[in-house]
Amino acid sequence: MNKLLLPQDIVGGSFWLISVAMIGAAIFFFLERGRLSNRWATVMNLVGVIALMSSIHYFYAKNLWVLNGQAPIALRYIDWLLTFPLTILTFYVMLNSVTDIKRGMFWRLLVGTLVLVIDQLIKENSNMSVTLGFLVSIVG
């Protein structure tokens, strides 16, 4: 396969576009955090870190696609297992900035998110019933 991203490669181009957009978003969030009140600084930092992590992930996926024409499904779930919990943490910190919220809410959201992602990973890599996988995801 090619070692360069070709103009007609839609999949590789979309991976590249997403990675560049995520880097731009991360830079935006890091630069703009100083313009907001201090209670939003942690939220902006977390969102910036999530965007930066995803950009690195999609850049790597683009490189794999260009080199061998495949982007393993495991890559998607590695990204989700890393960024979804951070997204839940961001949501919790954001809510906690405007109202008093119990720590149990964070743990319920985190466990539900992990159930959803792990269920999808198992469903993708096994012969699990589509209906069962859907129901487990809904419960998560």
Protein backbone atom coordinates (compact mmCIF):
# COMPACT_ATOMS: atom_id res chain seq x y z
CA MET A 1 0.00 0.00 0.00
CA ASN A 2 1.04 3.66 -0.24
CA LYS A 3 3.03 5.47 2.39
CA LEU A 4 1.42 8.80 1.50
CA LEU A 5 -2.14 9.96 1.90
CA LEU A 6 -3.59 10.21 -1.59
CA PRO A 7 -6.23 12.84 -2.50
CA GLN A 8 -8.79 10.18 -3.48
CA ASP A 9 -8.43 8.28 -0.16
CA ILE A 10 -11.69 9.24 1.58
CA VAL A 11 -11.11 7.13 4.70
CA GLY A 12 -7.54 8.30 5.23
CA GLY A 13 -8.58 11.86 4.46
CA SER A 14 -11.37 11.74 7.02
CA PHE A 15 -8.97 10.39 9.68
CA TRP A 16 -6.57 13.23 8.83
CA LEU A 17 -9.32 15.86 8.87
CA ILE A 18 -10.61 14.69 12.24
CA SER A 19 -7.11 14.65 13.76
CA VAL A 20 -6.38 18.20 12.54
CA ALA A 21 -9.78 19.45 13.72
CA MET A 22 -9.21 17.92 17.16
CA ILE A 23 -5.78 19.56 17.46
CA GLY A 24 -7.39 22.89 16.54
CA ALA A 25 -10.12 22.33 19.12
CA ALA A 26 -7.56 21.44 21.82
CA ILE A 27 -5.57 24.60 21.10
CA PHE A 28 -8.78 26.65 21.21
CA PHE A 29 -9.83 25.22 24.58
CA PHE A 30 -6.37 25.69 26.11
CA LEU A 31 -6.12 29.29 24.89
CA GLU A 32 -9.68 30.29 25.82
CA ARG A 33 -9.62 28.92 29.37
CA GLY A 34 -8.00 32.14 30.60
CA ARG A 35 -10.90 34.22 29.34
CA LEU A 36 -13.40 32.41 31.58
CA SER A 37 -13.86 32.48 35.33
CA ASN A 38 -11.63 30.18 37.36
CA ARG A 39 -14.42 27.71 38.04
CA TRP A 40 -14.38 26.71 34.35
CA ALA A 41 -10.58 26.30 34.04
CA THR A 42 -10.63 22.60 34.96
CA VAL A 43 -13.46 21.92 32.53
CA MET A 44 -11.60 23.67 29.69
CA ASN A 45 -8.39 21.78 30.52
CA LEU A 46 -10.20 18.44 30.52
CA VAL A 47 -11.95 19.15 27.22
CA GLY A 48 -8.62 20.21 25.71
CA VAL A 49 -6.94 17.01 26.93
CA ILE A 50 -9.77 14.87 25.52
CA ALA A 51 -9.51 16.61 22.14
CA LEU A 52 -5.72 16.24 22.12
CA MET A 53 -5.91 12.54 23.01
CA SER A 54 -8.45 11.93 20.25
CA SER A 55 -6.37 13.84 17.72
CA ILE A 56 -3.35 11.65 18.44
CA HIS A 57 -5.52 8.56 18.20
CA TYR A 58 -7.02 9.53 14.82
CA PHE A 59 -3.63 10.57 13.46
CA TYR A 60 -2.36 7.09 14.37
CA ALA A 61 -5.43 5.49 12.78
CA LYS A 62 -4.77 7.50 9.60
CA ASN A 63 -1.18 6.26 9.49
CA LEU A 64 -2.30 2.65 9.91
CA TRP A 65 -4.91 3.09 7.18
CA VAL A 66 -2.40 4.60 4.76
CA LEU A 67 0.20 1.90 5.45
CA ASN A 68 -1.97 -1.22 5.26
CA GLY A 69 -5.53 -0.22 4.36
CA GLN A 70 -6.90 -1.20 7.75
CA ALA A 71 -7.87 0.60 10.91
CA PRO A 72 -8.41 -2.10 13.52
CA ILE A 73 -11.66 -1.94 15.46
CA ALA A 74 -9.66 -2.18 18.69
CA LEU A 75 -8.34 1.33 18.06
CA ARG A 76 -11.82 2.78 18.32
CA TYR A 77 -12.44 1.06 21.64
CA ILE A 78 -9.05 2.05 23.05
CA ASP A 79 -9.92 5.65 22.27
CA TRP A 80 -13.37 5.29 23.80
CA LEU A 81 -12.06 3.55 26.95
CA LEU A 82 -9.70 6.48 27.48
CA THR A 83 -11.84 9.44 26.47
CA PHE A 84 -15.34 8.45 27.63
CA PRO A 85 -14.38 8.30 31.34
CA LEU A 86 -12.64 11.67 30.95
CA THR A 87 -15.78 13.03 29.32
CA ILE A 88 -17.83 11.82 32.29
CA LEU A 89 -15.32 13.44 34.65
CA THR A 90 -15.64 16.67 32.65
CA PHE A 91 -19.44 16.51 32.83
CA TYR A 92 -19.28 15.94 36.59
CA VAL A 93 -16.84 18.84 37.14
CA MET A 94 -18.99 21.07 34.93
CA LEU A 95 -22.15 20.22 36.89
CA ASN A 96 -20.30 20.62 40.17
CA SER A 97 -19.28 24.13 39.08
CA VAL A 98 -22.89 25.31 38.97
CA THR A 99 -24.64 23.19 41.59
CA ASP A 100 -23.91 20.88 44.49
CA ILE A 101 -23.84 17.33 43.16
CA LYS A 102 -23.17 14.09 45.00
CA ARG A 103 -20.12 11.99 44.20
CA GLY A 104 -22.37 8.95 43.64
CA MET A 105 -23.64 10.61 40.46
CA PHE A 106 -20.10 10.53 39.03
CA TRP A 107 -19.71 6.83 39.80
CA ARG A 108 -23.09 5.92 38.29
CA LEU A 109 -22.26 7.85 35.12
CA LEU A 110 -18.79 6.28 34.94
CA VAL A 111 -20.01 2.72 35.46
CA GLY A 112 -22.84 3.22 32.94
CA THR A 113 -20.40 4.55 30.36
CA LEU A 114 -17.97 1.69 30.88
CA VAL A 115 -20.83 -0.85 30.62
CA LEU A 116 -21.84 0.73 27.31
CA VAL A 117 -18.33 0.73 25.82
CA ILE A 118 -17.37 -2.74 27.06
CA ASP A 119 -20.70 -4.16 25.86
CA GLN A 120 -20.11 -2.71 22.40
CA LEU A 121 -16.57 -4.13 22.36
CA ILE A 122 -17.82 -7.59 23.32
CA LYS A 123 -20.67 -7.40 20.80
CA GLU A 124 -18.24 -6.36 18.06
CA ASN A 125 -15.86 -9.25 18.77
CA SER A 126 -18.29 -12.09 19.45
CA ASN A 127 -21.54 -13.61 18.30
CA MET A 128 -23.56 -11.85 20.99
CA SER A 129 -27.20 -11.38 20.10
CA VAL A 130 -27.85 -7.93 18.66
CA THR A 131 -30.91 -7.59 20.88
CA LEU A 132 -28.99 -8.55 24.03
CA GLY A 133 -26.16 -6.15 23.11
CA PHE A 134 -28.69 -3.36 22.54
CA LEU A 135 -30.41 -4.00 25.87
CA VAL A 136 -27.14 -4.07 27.81
CA SER A 137 -26.08 -0.81 26.13
CA ILE A 138 -29.41 0.80 27.03
CA VAL A 139 -28.99 -0.30 30.66
CA GLY A 140 -25.48 1.21 30.64
